[in-house]
Amino acid sequence: MILLKLLLDHPTNTESIMFRNEDAMKKFSDDGIPTKQSPLELSKSSDVIITMLPSSAHVLDVYSRGNGLLGNGGRLGPWLYIDSSTVDPQTSRKISLDMSRCSLNEKKGYAEKPMMLDAPVSGGVPAAEAGTLTFMVGGLEETYIAAKPLLLAMGKKLIYCGGAGNGSAAKICNNMAMAISMLGVSEAFALGQNLGIKASTLTDIFNCSSARCWSSDTYNPVPGVMTGVPSSRNYDGGFTSKLMAKDLDLAMASASGVGFKCPMGSEALEIYRKLCDEGCEFKDFSCAFRHFYTGKDEK
């Protein structure tokens, strides 16, 4: 089994954005994990490929361009490709369509042609470390069924969303709702502080009443209220504001593509863009409590 860890540096030209992070590659090699020099080279010695990349452009680059996974004249070694990136549904559908035109180098016992799933995840860093991620899966149902044992080795809940691109669509809807709820509870906590109510008191109220949500009971944004979350460590080590802005941008672009207006999603995007512009792009997205609403730490 070959484990690929593909980390990308910032682009230095306009033709391709795919660059290996040589330091990361060396770290894995030093740990005895085989590495390859390109996605195409990796695909020639693998049965299953799983990718998780920062953006739609990275996904298109790794799959379709140059020495990408779908090179070699459309004759592929792996029988299954799973992309767990958070991207727009159109990108997932394009890759799936490109995959449908390919064939296997040799027939596998379980597949007659290469198969593709878009399977983004939810749960953040804690769930990834614990192996309790939720996978939102798009693609052919028979492919989903074949891939279930592998997905369950990495997560605890799988939700089949329908055809190609539907997993990606579900993920951007989920992240839009997450952003809006985080901003909502942050705004309420900051208002409460200004009205003389401690955030810990409001948290107790929210979590046993109608305001209860993940942003209050699991990922509280107020420093000093909850341990083990980014707000307890200066908003480091979580889901960055930059990634949240990227996901909201994907959601707004997808909404525009179907003529649907998202006023709250649009406002959330503007707030996260502002946070990024003001130097919080690598802080966890819950930092909006402190850096947008000027909320205070719990004493």
C-alpha atoms as a PDB file:
ATOM      1  CA  MET A   1       0.000   0.000   0.000  1.00  0.00           C
ATOM      2  CA  ILE A   2       1.306   3.448  -0.903  1.00  0.00           C
ATOM      3  CA  LEU A   3       0.268   6.489   1.101  1.00  0.00           C
ATOM      4  CA  LEU A   4       0.328   9.787  -0.759  1.00  0.00           C
ATOM      5  CA  LYS A   5       0.504  13.063   1.135  1.00  0.00           C
ATOM      6  CA  LEU A   6       0.354  15.806  -1.482  1.00  0.00           C
ATOM      7  CA  LEU A   7       0.931  19.252  -0.003  1.00  0.00           C
ATOM      8  CA  LEU A   8       0.874  22.204  -2.348  1.00  0.00           C
ATOM      9  CA  ASP A   9       2.976  25.344  -2.259  1.00  0.00           C
ATOM     10  CA  HIS A  10       1.762  28.644  -3.667  1.00  0.00           C
ATOM     11  CA  PRO A  11       1.877  28.792  -7.483  1.00  0.00           C
ATOM     12  CA  THR A  12       4.844  30.398  -9.190  1.00  0.00           C
ATOM     13  CA  ASN A  13       3.511  30.367 -12.747  1.00  0.00           C
ATOM     14  CA  THR A  14       0.169  30.465 -14.563  1.00  0.00           C
ATOM     15  CA  GLU A  15       0.355  27.126 -16.353  1.00  0.00           C
ATOM     16  CA  SER A  16       0.103  24.803 -13.397  1.00  0.00           C
ATOM     17  CA  ILE A  17      -0.475  25.132  -9.686  1.00  0.00           C
ATOM     18  CA  MET A  18       0.709  21.661  -8.745  1.00  0.00           C
ATOM     19  CA  PHE A  19       3.955  21.766  -6.794  1.00  0.00           C
ATOM     20  CA  ARG A  20       5.294  19.221  -4.356  1.00  0.00           C
ATOM     21  CA  ASN A  21       6.197  20.356  -0.878  1.00  0.00           C
ATOM     22  CA  GLU A  22       9.612  18.709  -0.775  1.00  0.00           C
ATOM     23  CA  ASP A  23       9.968  19.119   3.011  1.00  0.00           C
ATOM     24  CA  ALA A  24       6.716  17.250   3.565  1.00  0.00           C
ATOM     25  CA  MET A  25       7.702  14.563   1.072  1.00  0.00           C
ATOM     26  CA  LYS A  26      11.012  14.079   2.864  1.00  0.00           C
ATOM     27  CA  LYS A  27       9.275  13.779   6.227  1.00  0.00           C
ATOM     28  CA  PHE A  28       7.125  10.923   4.961  1.00  0.00           C
ATOM     29  CA  SER A  29      10.052   9.257   3.229  1.00  0.00           C
ATOM     30  CA  ASP A  30      12.085   9.464   6.436  1.00  0.00           C
ATOM     31  CA  ASP A  31       9.204   7.749   8.232  1.00  0.00           C
ATOM     32  CA  GLY A  32       9.375   4.858   5.767  1.00  0.00           C
ATOM     33  CA  ILE A  33       6.275   5.827   3.781  1.00  0.00           C
ATOM     34  CA  PRO A  34       6.762   5.431  -0.002  1.00  0.00           C
ATOM     35  CA  THR A  35       6.276   8.629  -1.992  1.00  0.00           C
ATOM     36  CA  LYS A  36       5.946   9.313  -5.703  1.00  0.00           C
ATOM     37  CA  GLN A  37       6.992  12.255  -7.832  1.00  0.00           C
ATOM     38  CA  SER A  38       3.658  12.888  -9.561  1.00  0.00           C
ATOM     39  CA  PRO A  39      -0.005  11.877  -9.325  1.00  0.00           C
ATOM     40  CA  LEU A  40       0.347   9.862 -12.541  1.00  0.00           C
ATOM     41  CA  GLU A  41       3.302   7.923 -11.148  1.00  0.00           C
ATOM     42  CA  LEU A  42       1.310   7.209  -8.000  1.00  0.00           C
ATOM     43  CA  SER A  43      -1.686   5.978  -9.965  1.00  0.00           C
ATOM     44  CA  LYS A  44       0.419   3.370 -11.749  1.00  0.00           C
ATOM     45  CA  SER A  45       1.067   1.534  -8.482  1.00  0.00           C
ATOM     46  CA  SER A  46      -2.253   1.983  -6.648  1.00  0.00           C
ATOM     47  CA  ASP A  47      -5.665   0.344  -6.559  1.00  0.00           C
ATOM     48  CA  VAL A  48      -7.453   3.223  -4.793  1.00  0.00           C
ATOM     49  CA  ILE A  49      -6.672   6.952  -4.828  1.00  0.00           C
ATOM     50  CA  ILE A  50      -8.051   9.387  -2.220  1.00  0.00           C
ATOM     51  CA  THR A  51      -7.462  13.106  -2.676  1.00  0.00           C
ATOM     52  CA  MET A  52      -8.205  16.044  -0.385  1.00  0.00           C
ATOM     53  CA  LEU A  53      -7.054  19.331  -1.872  1.00  0.00           C
ATOM     54  CA  PRO A  54      -7.541  23.028  -1.078  1.00  0.00           C
ATOM     55  CA  SER A  55      -9.538  24.242  -4.095  1.00  0.00           C
ATOM     56  CA  SER A  56     -11.289  23.384  -7.356  1.00  0.00           C
ATOM     57  CA  ALA A  57      -8.222  24.535  -9.307  1.00  0.00           C
ATOM     58  CA  HIS A  58      -6.003  22.108  -7.370  1.00  0.00           C
ATOM     59  CA  VAL A  59      -8.418  19.234  -8.029  1.00  0.00           C
ATOM     60  CA  LEU A  60      -8.510  19.937 -11.753  1.00  0.00           C
ATOM     61  CA  ASP A  61      -4.720  20.199 -11.793  1.00  0.00           C
ATOM     62  CA  VAL A  62      -4.104  16.937  -9.933  1.00  0.00           C
ATOM     63  CA  TYR A  63      -6.633  14.935 -11.932  1.00  0.00           C
ATOM     64  CA  SER A  64      -6.609  16.353 -15.431  1.00  0.00           C
ATOM     65  CA  ARG A  65      -3.433  18.250 -16.288  1.00  0.00           C
ATOM     66  CA  GLY A  66       0.110  17.267 -17.169  1.00  0.00           C
ATOM     67  CA  ASN A  67       1.113  14.236 -15.107  1.00  0.00           C
ATOM     68  CA  GLY A  68      -2.304  14.114 -13.456  1.00  0.00           C
ATOM     69  CA  LEU A  69      -4.151  11.060 -12.237  1.00  0.00           C
ATOM     70  CA  LEU A  70      -6.127  10.683 -15.466  1.00  0.00           C
ATOM     71  CA  GLY A  71      -3.067  10.744 -17.714  1.00  0.00           C
ATOM     72  CA  ASN A  72      -1.551   7.759 -19.477  1.00  0.00           C
ATOM     73  CA  GLY A  73      -3.962   8.001 -22.406  1.00  0.00           C
ATOM     74  CA  GLY A  74      -7.017   7.398 -20.276  1.00  0.00           C
ATOM     75  CA  ARG A  75      -5.945   3.878 -19.278  1.00  0.00           C
ATOM     76  CA  LEU A  76      -5.889   3.791 -15.501  1.00  0.00           C
ATOM     77  CA  GLY A  77      -4.529   1.468 -12.844  1.00  0.00           C
ATOM     78  CA  PRO A  78      -6.748   2.277  -9.838  1.00  0.00           C
ATOM     79  CA  TRP A  79     -10.341   1.039  -9.876  1.00  0.00           C
ATOM     80  CA  LEU A  80     -11.591   3.667  -7.398  1.00  0.00           C
ATOM     81  CA  TYR A  81     -10.970   7.400  -7.003  1.00  0.00           C
ATOM     82  CA  ILE A  82     -12.409   9.332  -4.051  1.00  0.00           C
ATOM     83  CA  ASP A  83     -12.092  13.098  -3.937  1.00  0.00           C
ATOM     84  CA  SER A  84     -12.757  14.472  -0.441  1.00  0.00           C
ATOM     85  CA  SER A  85     -11.949  18.071  -1.334  1.00  0.00           C
ATOM     86  CA  THR A  86     -14.485  20.818  -0.685  1.00  0.00           C
ATOM     87  CA  VAL A  87     -15.136  22.118  -4.204  1.00  0.00           C
ATOM     88  CA  ASP A  88     -18.029  23.295  -6.351  1.00  0.00           C
ATOM     89  CA  PRO A  89     -20.362  20.587  -7.709  1.00  0.00           C
ATOM     90  CA  GLN A  90     -19.460  21.493 -11.290  1.00  0.00           C
ATOM     91  CA  THR A  91     -15.816  20.541 -10.716  1.00  0.00           C
ATOM     92  CA  SER A  92     -16.815  17.186  -9.203  1.00  0.00           C
ATOM     93  CA  ARG A  93     -19.124  16.492 -12.144  1.00  0.00           C
ATOM     94  CA  LYS A  94     -16.433  17.378 -14.683  1.00  0.00           C
ATOM     95  CA  ILE A  95     -13.920  15.006 -13.083  1.00  0.00           C
ATOM     96  CA  SER A  96     -16.560  12.272 -12.926  1.00  0.00           C
ATOM     97  CA  LEU A  97     -17.380  12.790 -16.610  1.00  0.00           C
ATOM     98  CA  ASP A  98     -13.687  12.678 -17.515  1.00  0.00           C
ATOM     99  CA  MET A  99     -13.368   9.454 -15.494  1.00  0.00           C
ATOM    100  CA  SER A 100     -16.276   7.870 -17.390  1.00  0.00           C
ATOM    101  CA  ARG A 101     -14.268   8.152 -20.595  1.00  0.00           C
ATOM    102  CA  CYS A 102     -11.339   6.187 -19.136  1.00  0.00           C
ATOM    103  CA  SER A 103     -10.741   2.451 -18.916  1.00  0.00           C
ATOM    104  CA  LEU A 104      -8.777   0.142 -16.642  1.00  0.00           C
ATOM    105  CA  ASN A 105      -5.350  -1.126 -17.610  1.00  0.00           C
ATOM    106  CA  GLU A 106      -6.548  -4.517 -16.486  1.00  0.00           C
ATOM    107  CA  LYS A 107      -9.939  -5.658 -15.284  1.00  0.00           C
ATOM    108  CA  LYS A 108     -10.272  -5.890 -11.511  1.00  0.00           C
ATOM    109  CA  GLY A 109     -12.377  -8.566  -9.877  1.00  0.00           C
ATOM    110  CA  TYR A 110     -14.644  -5.890  -8.436  1.00  0.00           C
ATOM    111  CA  ALA A 111     -14.775  -3.363 -11.264  1.00  0.00           C
ATOM    112  CA  GLU A 112     -14.952  -3.314 -15.041  1.00  0.00           C
ATOM    113  CA  LYS A 113     -14.011   0.374 -15.356  1.00  0.00           C
ATOM    114  CA  PRO A 114     -12.608   3.061 -13.042  1.00  0.00           C
ATOM    115  CA  MET A 115     -15.141   4.591 -10.659  1.00  0.00           C
ATOM    116  CA  MET A 116     -15.320   8.035  -9.025  1.00  0.00           C
ATOM    117  CA  LEU A 117     -16.911   9.473  -5.877  1.00  0.00           C
ATOM    118  CA  ASP A 118     -16.981  12.992  -4.526  1.00  0.00           C
ATOM    119  CA  ALA A 119     -16.955  12.503  -0.761  1.00  0.00           C
ATOM    120  CA  PRO A 120     -16.183  15.645   1.260  1.00  0.00           C
ATOM    121  CA  VAL A 121     -16.137  15.367   5.036  1.00  0.00           C
ATOM    122  CA  SER A 122     -17.489  17.121   8.102  1.00  0.00           C
ATOM    123  CA  GLY A 123     -16.240  17.054  11.666  1.00  0.00           C
ATOM    124  CA  GLY A 124     -13.086  19.124  11.493  1.00  0.00           C
ATOM    125  CA  VAL A 125      -9.666  18.310  12.894  1.00  0.00           C
ATOM    126  CA  PRO A 126     -10.962  16.527  16.041  1.00  0.00           C
ATOM    127  CA  ALA A 127     -13.085  14.078  14.034  1.00  0.00           C
ATOM    128  CA  ALA A 128     -10.257  13.463  11.557  1.00  0.00           C
ATOM    129  CA  GLU A 129      -7.905  12.593  14.397  1.00  0.00           C
ATOM    130  CA  ALA A 130     -10.502  10.356  16.044  1.00  0.00           C
ATOM    131  CA  GLY A 131     -11.609   8.656  12.822  1.00  0.00           C
ATOM    132  CA  THR A 132     -15.202   9.843  13.328  1.00  0.00           C
ATOM    133  CA  LEU A 133     -15.697  11.970  10.217  1.00  0.00           C
ATOM    134  CA  THR A 134     -18.995  12.216   8.374  1.00  0.00           C
ATOM    135  CA  PHE A 135     -18.723  11.588   4.624  1.00  0.00           C
ATOM    136  CA  MET A 136     -21.206  13.183   2.201  1.00  0.00           C
ATOM    137  CA  VAL A 137     -20.970  11.015  -0.900  1.00  0.00           C
ATOM    138  CA  GLY A 138     -21.929  11.677  -4.510  1.00  0.00           C
ATOM    139  CA  GLY A 139     -21.597   9.287  -7.438  1.00  0.00           C
ATOM    140  CA  LEU A 140     -23.099   6.060  -8.677  1.00  0.00           C
ATOM    141  CA  GLU A 141     -24.793   4.147  -5.881  1.00  0.00           C
ATOM    142  CA  GLU A 142     -22.977   0.912  -6.754  1.00  0.00           C
ATOM    143  CA  THR A 143     -19.672   2.753  -6.420  1.00  0.00           C
ATOM    144  CA  TYR A 144     -20.746   4.091  -3.040  1.00  0.00           C
ATOM    145  CA  ILE A 145     -21.639   0.591  -1.863  1.00  0.00           C
ATOM    146  CA  ALA A 146     -18.285  -0.778  -3.044  1.00  0.00           C
ATOM    147  CA  ALA A 147     -16.403   2.016  -1.254  1.00  0.00           C
ATOM    148  CA  LYS A 148     -18.297   1.834   2.061  1.00  0.00           C
ATOM    149  CA  PRO A 149     -15.766  -0.378   3.916  1.00  0.00           C
ATOM    150  CA  LEU A 150     -12.934   1.986   3.029  1.00  0.00           C
ATOM    151  CA  LEU A 151     -14.899   5.105   4.012  1.00  0.00           C
ATOM    152  CA  LEU A 152     -15.973   3.532   7.302  1.00  0.00           C
ATOM    153  CA  ALA A 153     -12.310   2.959   8.145  1.00  0.00           C
ATOM    154  CA  MET A 154     -11.940   6.752   8.232  1.00  0.00           C
ATOM    155  CA  GLY A 155     -15.340   7.907   9.463  1.00  0.00           C
ATOM    156  CA  LYS A 156     -18.327   6.828  11.507  1.00  0.00           C
ATOM    157  CA  LYS A 157     -21.193   8.104   9.353  1.00  0.00           C
ATOM    158  CA  LEU A 158     -21.744   7.929   5.602  1.00  0.00           C
ATOM    159  CA  ILE A 159     -24.562   9.765   3.853  1.00  0.00           C
ATOM    160  CA  TYR A 160     -25.277   8.963   0.216  1.00  0.00           C
ATOM    161  CA  CYS A 161     -26.400  12.171  -1.486  1.00  0.00           C
ATOM    162  CA  GLY A 162     -27.140  10.991  -5.014  1.00  0.00           C
ATOM    163  CA  GLY A 163     -25.323  11.424  -8.308  1.00  0.00           C
ATOM    164  CA  ALA A 164     -21.956  12.932  -9.135  1.00  0.00           C
ATOM    165  CA  GLY A 165     -21.413  16.339  -7.550  1.00  0.00           C
ATOM    166  CA  ASN A 166     -24.135  15.928  -4.926  1.00  0.00           C
ATOM    167  CA  GLY A 167     -21.614  15.240  -2.167  1.00  0.00           C
ATOM    168  CA  SER A 168     -19.867  18.506  -3.004  1.00  0.00           C
ATOM    169  CA  ALA A 169     -23.201  20.331  -3.128  1.00  0.00           C
ATOM    170  CA  ALA A 170     -24.132  18.988   0.310  1.00  0.00           C
ATOM    171  CA  LYS A 171     -20.784  20.052   1.762  1.00  0.00           C
ATOM    172  CA  ILE A 172     -20.965  23.680   0.635  1.00  0.00           C
ATOM    173  CA  CYS A 173     -24.535  23.909   1.964  1.00  0.00           C
ATOM    174  CA  ASN A 174     -23.371  22.445   5.288  1.00  0.00           C
ATOM    175  CA  ASN A 175     -20.464  24.877   5.541  1.00  0.00           C
ATOM    176  CA  MET A 176     -22.638  27.860   4.682  1.00  0.00           C
ATOM    177  CA  ALA A 177     -25.002  26.915   7.516  1.00  0.00           C
ATOM    178  CA  MET A 178     -22.025  26.379   9.841  1.00  0.00           C
ATOM    179  CA  ALA A 179     -20.622  29.826   9.053  1.00  0.00           C
ATOM    180  CA  ILE A 180     -23.979  31.514   9.584  1.00  0.00           C
ATOM    181  CA  SER A 181     -24.585  29.711  12.894  1.00  0.00           C
ATOM    182  CA  MET A 182     -21.081  30.563  14.152  1.00  0.00           C
ATOM    183  CA  LEU A 183     -21.643  34.218  13.371  1.00  0.00           C
ATOM    184  CA  GLY A 184     -25.080  34.069  14.980  1.00  0.00           C
ATOM    185  CA  VAL A 185     -23.909  32.665  18.307  1.00  0.00           C
ATOM    186  CA  SER A 186     -20.825  34.910  18.293  1.00  0.00           C
ATOM    187  CA  GLU A 187     -23.036  37.953  17.799  1.00  0.00           C
ATOM    188  CA  ALA A 188     -25.360  36.821  20.589  1.00  0.00           C
ATOM    189  CA  PHE A 189     -22.487  36.111  22.998  1.00  0.00           C
ATOM    190  CA  ALA A 190     -20.938  39.517  22.280  1.00  0.00           C
ATOM    191  CA  LEU A 191     -24.310  41.235  22.773  1.00  0.00           C
ATOM    192  CA  GLY A 192     -24.779  39.351  26.033  1.00  0.00           C
ATOM    193  CA  GLN A 193     -21.404  40.542  27.302  1.00  0.00           C
ATOM    194  CA  ASN A 194     -22.360  44.125  26.487  1.00  0.00           C
ATOM    195  CA  LEU A 195     -25.626  43.614  28.387  1.00  0.00           C
ATOM    196  CA  GLY A 196     -23.792  42.239  31.406  1.00  0.00           C
ATOM    197  CA  ILE A 197     -24.390  38.488  30.930  1.00  0.00           C
ATOM    198  CA  LYS A 198     -21.437  36.108  31.066  1.00  0.00           C
ATOM    199  CA  ALA A 199     -20.863  33.986  27.980  1.00  0.00           C
ATOM    200  CA  SER A 200     -20.726  30.837  30.124  1.00  0.00           C
ATOM    201  CA  THR A 201     -24.189  31.623  31.450  1.00  0.00           C
ATOM    202  CA  LEU A 202     -25.547  32.162  27.946  1.00  0.00           C
ATOM    203  CA  THR A 203     -23.854  28.944  26.845  1.00  0.00           C
ATOM    204  CA  ASP A 204     -25.705  27.006  29.575  1.00  0.00           C
ATOM    205  CA  ILE A 205     -28.957  28.590  28.416  1.00  0.00           C
ATOM    206  CA  PHE A 206     -28.352  28.028  24.712  1.00  0.00           C
ATOM    207  CA  ASN A 207     -27.364  24.409  25.205  1.00  0.00           C
ATOM    208  CA  CYS A 208     -30.580  23.437  26.939  1.00  0.00           C
ATOM    209  CA  SER A 209     -32.935  25.574  24.868  1.00  0.00           C
ATOM    210  CA  SER A 210     -33.868  26.520  21.322  1.00  0.00           C
ATOM    211  CA  ALA A 211     -30.550  28.249  20.488  1.00  0.00           C
ATOM    212  CA  ARG A 212     -28.551  25.053  20.893  1.00  0.00           C
ATOM    213  CA  CYS A 213     -26.231  24.273  17.971  1.00  0.00           C
ATOM    214  CA  TRP A 214     -22.775  22.850  17.226  1.00  0.00           C
ATOM    215  CA  SER A 215     -21.231  26.315  17.456  1.00  0.00           C
ATOM    216  CA  SER A 216     -22.399  26.680  21.056  1.00  0.00           C
ATOM    217  CA  ASP A 217     -22.202  23.171  22.513  1.00  0.00           C
ATOM    218  CA  THR A 218     -19.184  21.680  20.701  1.00  0.00           C
ATOM    219  CA  TYR A 219     -17.092  24.488  19.177  1.00  0.00           C
ATOM    220  CA  ASN A 220     -17.780  27.464  21.420  1.00  0.00           C
ATOM    221  CA  PRO A 221     -16.132  30.654  20.102  1.00  0.00           C
ATOM    222  CA  VAL A 222     -15.647  32.407  23.444  1.00  0.00           C
ATOM    223  CA  PRO A 223     -12.150  31.967  24.939  1.00  0.00           C
ATOM    224  CA  GLY A 224     -12.375  30.522  28.432  1.00  0.00           C
ATOM    225  CA  VAL A 225     -15.758  28.808  28.069  1.00  0.00           C
ATOM    226  CA  MET A 226     -14.704  25.446  26.601  1.00  0.00           C
ATOM    227  CA  THR A 227     -11.434  23.524  26.576  1.00  0.00           C
ATOM    228  CA  GLY A 228      -9.976  21.667  23.602  1.00  0.00           C
ATOM    229  CA  VAL A 229     -11.384  24.007  20.942  1.00  0.00           C
ATOM    230  CA  PRO A 230      -9.566  26.675  18.903  1.00  0.00           C
ATOM    231  CA  SER A 231     -10.967  29.524  21.033  1.00  0.00           C
ATOM    232  CA  SER A 232      -9.055  28.054  23.993  1.00  0.00           C
ATOM    233  CA  ARG A 233      -5.731  28.355  22.136  1.00  0.00           C
ATOM    234  CA  ASN A 234      -5.933  31.789  20.537  1.00  0.00           C
ATOM    235  CA  TYR A 235      -7.960  30.399  17.612  1.00  0.00           C
ATOM    236  CA  ASP A 236      -5.061  28.309  16.322  1.00  0.00           C
ATOM    237  CA  GLY A 237      -5.287  24.757  14.971  1.00  0.00           C
ATOM    238  CA  GLY A 238      -8.775  24.664  13.496  1.00  0.00           C
ATOM    239  CA  PHE A 239     -10.701  25.422  10.309  1.00  0.00           C
ATOM    240  CA  THR A 240      -9.239  28.667   9.046  1.00  0.00           C
ATOM    241  CA  SER A 241     -11.143  31.809   8.137  1.00  0.00           C
ATOM    242  CA  LYS A 242      -9.467  31.610   4.723  1.00  0.00           C
ATOM    243  CA  LEU A 243     -10.978  28.185   4.055  1.00  0.00           C
ATOM    244  CA  MET A 244     -14.371  29.333   5.312  1.00  0.00           C
ATOM    245  CA  ALA A 245     -14.266  32.318   2.968  1.00  0.00           C
ATOM    246  CA  LYS A 246     -13.343  29.956   0.123  1.00  0.00           C
ATOM    247  CA  ASP A 247     -16.253  27.629   0.904  1.00  0.00           C
ATOM    248  CA  LEU A 248     -18.716  30.507   1.185  1.00  0.00           C
ATOM    249  CA  ASP A 249     -17.476  31.818  -2.147  1.00  0.00           C
ATOM    250  CA  LEU A 250     -18.157  28.382  -3.669  1.00  0.00           C
ATOM    251  CA  ALA A 251     -21.650  28.385  -2.174  1.00  0.00           C
ATOM    252  CA  MET A 252     -22.431  31.863  -3.488  1.00  0.00           C
ATOM    253  CA  ALA A 253     -21.106  31.022  -6.958  1.00  0.00           C
ATOM    254  CA  SER A 254     -23.200  27.845  -7.030  1.00  0.00           C
ATOM    255  CA  ALA A 255     -26.277  29.772  -5.848  1.00  0.00           C
ATOM    256  CA  SER A 256     -25.749  32.338  -8.574  1.00  0.00           C
ATOM    257  CA  GLY A 257     -25.473  29.551 -11.133  1.00  0.00           C
ATOM    258  CA  VAL A 258     -29.008  28.371 -10.326  1.00  0.00           C
ATOM    259  CA  GLY A 259     -30.461  31.859  -9.786  1.00  0.00           C
ATOM    260  CA  PHE A 260     -30.900  31.476  -6.013  1.00  0.00           C
ATOM    261  CA  LYS A 261     -30.308  34.360  -3.600  1.00  0.00           C
ATOM    262  CA  CYS A 262     -28.551  33.716  -0.269  1.00  0.00           C
ATOM    263  CA  PRO A 263     -28.608  37.017   1.683  1.00  0.00           C
ATOM    264  CA  MET A 264     -27.270  35.516   4.917  1.00  0.00           C
ATOM    265  CA  GLY A 265     -24.647  33.493   3.090  1.00  0.00           C
ATOM    266  CA  SER A 266     -23.566  36.598   1.192  1.00  0.00           C
ATOM    267  CA  GLU A 267     -23.240  38.591   4.416  1.00  0.00           C
ATOM    268  CA  ALA A 268     -21.253  35.770   6.034  1.00  0.00           C
ATOM    269  CA  LEU A 269     -18.886  35.777   3.059  1.00  0.00           C
ATOM    270  CA  GLU A 270     -18.298  39.512   3.422  1.00  0.00           C
ATOM    271  CA  ILE A 271     -17.520  39.103   7.127  1.00  0.00           C
ATOM    272  CA  TYR A 272     -15.000  36.333   6.518  1.00  0.00           C
ATOM    273  CA  ARG A 273     -13.394  38.249   3.678  1.00  0.00           C
ATOM    274  CA  LYS A 274     -12.990  41.183   6.053  1.00  0.00           C
ATOM    275  CA  LEU A 275     -11.434  38.930   8.697  1.00  0.00           C
ATOM    276  CA  CYS A 276      -8.954  37.611   6.140  1.00  0.00           C
ATOM    277  CA  ASP A 277      -8.107  41.123   4.952  1.00  0.00           C
ATOM    278  CA  GLU A 278      -7.412  42.128   8.551  1.00  0.00           C
ATOM    279  CA  GLY A 279      -4.894  39.374   9.192  1.00  0.00           C
ATOM    280  CA  CYS A 280      -7.061  36.538  10.531  1.00  0.00           C
ATOM    281  CA  GLU A 281      -6.948  34.308   7.449  1.00  0.00           C
ATOM    282  CA  PHE A 282      -5.094  31.519   9.284  1.00  0.00           C
ATOM    283  CA  LYS A 283      -7.068  31.834  12.509  1.00  0.00           C
ATOM    284  CA  ASP A 284      -9.955  29.449  13.113  1.00  0.00           C
ATOM    285  CA  PHE A 285     -13.241  30.757  11.735  1.00  0.00           C
ATOM    286  CA  SER A 286     -14.644  31.065  15.280  1.00  0.00           C
ATOM    287  CA  CYS A 287     -12.283  34.029  15.709  1.00  0.00           C
ATOM    288  CA  ALA A 288     -15.114  36.203  14.395  1.00  0.00           C
ATOM    289  CA  PHE A 289     -16.263  36.455  18.016  1.00  0.00           C
ATOM    290  CA  ARG A 290     -13.124  38.329  19.022  1.00  0.00           C
ATOM    291  CA  HIS A 291     -11.966  39.959  15.799  1.00  0.00           C
ATOM    292  CA  PHE A 292     -15.267  40.985  14.191  1.00  0.00           C
ATOM    293  CA  TYR A 293     -17.613  41.377  17.171  1.00  0.00           C
ATOM    294  CA  THR A 294     -14.815  42.428  19.593  1.00  0.00           C
ATOM    295  CA  GLY A 295     -16.053  39.910  22.140  1.00  0.00           C
ATOM    296  CA  LYS A 296     -14.070  39.417  25.325  1.00  0.00           C
ATOM    297  CA  ASP A 297     -12.492  36.370  26.955  1.00  0.00           C
ATOM    298  CA  GLU A 298     -14.450  34.742  29.766  1.00  0.00           C
ATOM    299  CA  LYS A 299     -12.922  35.572  33.135  1.00  0.00           C
END
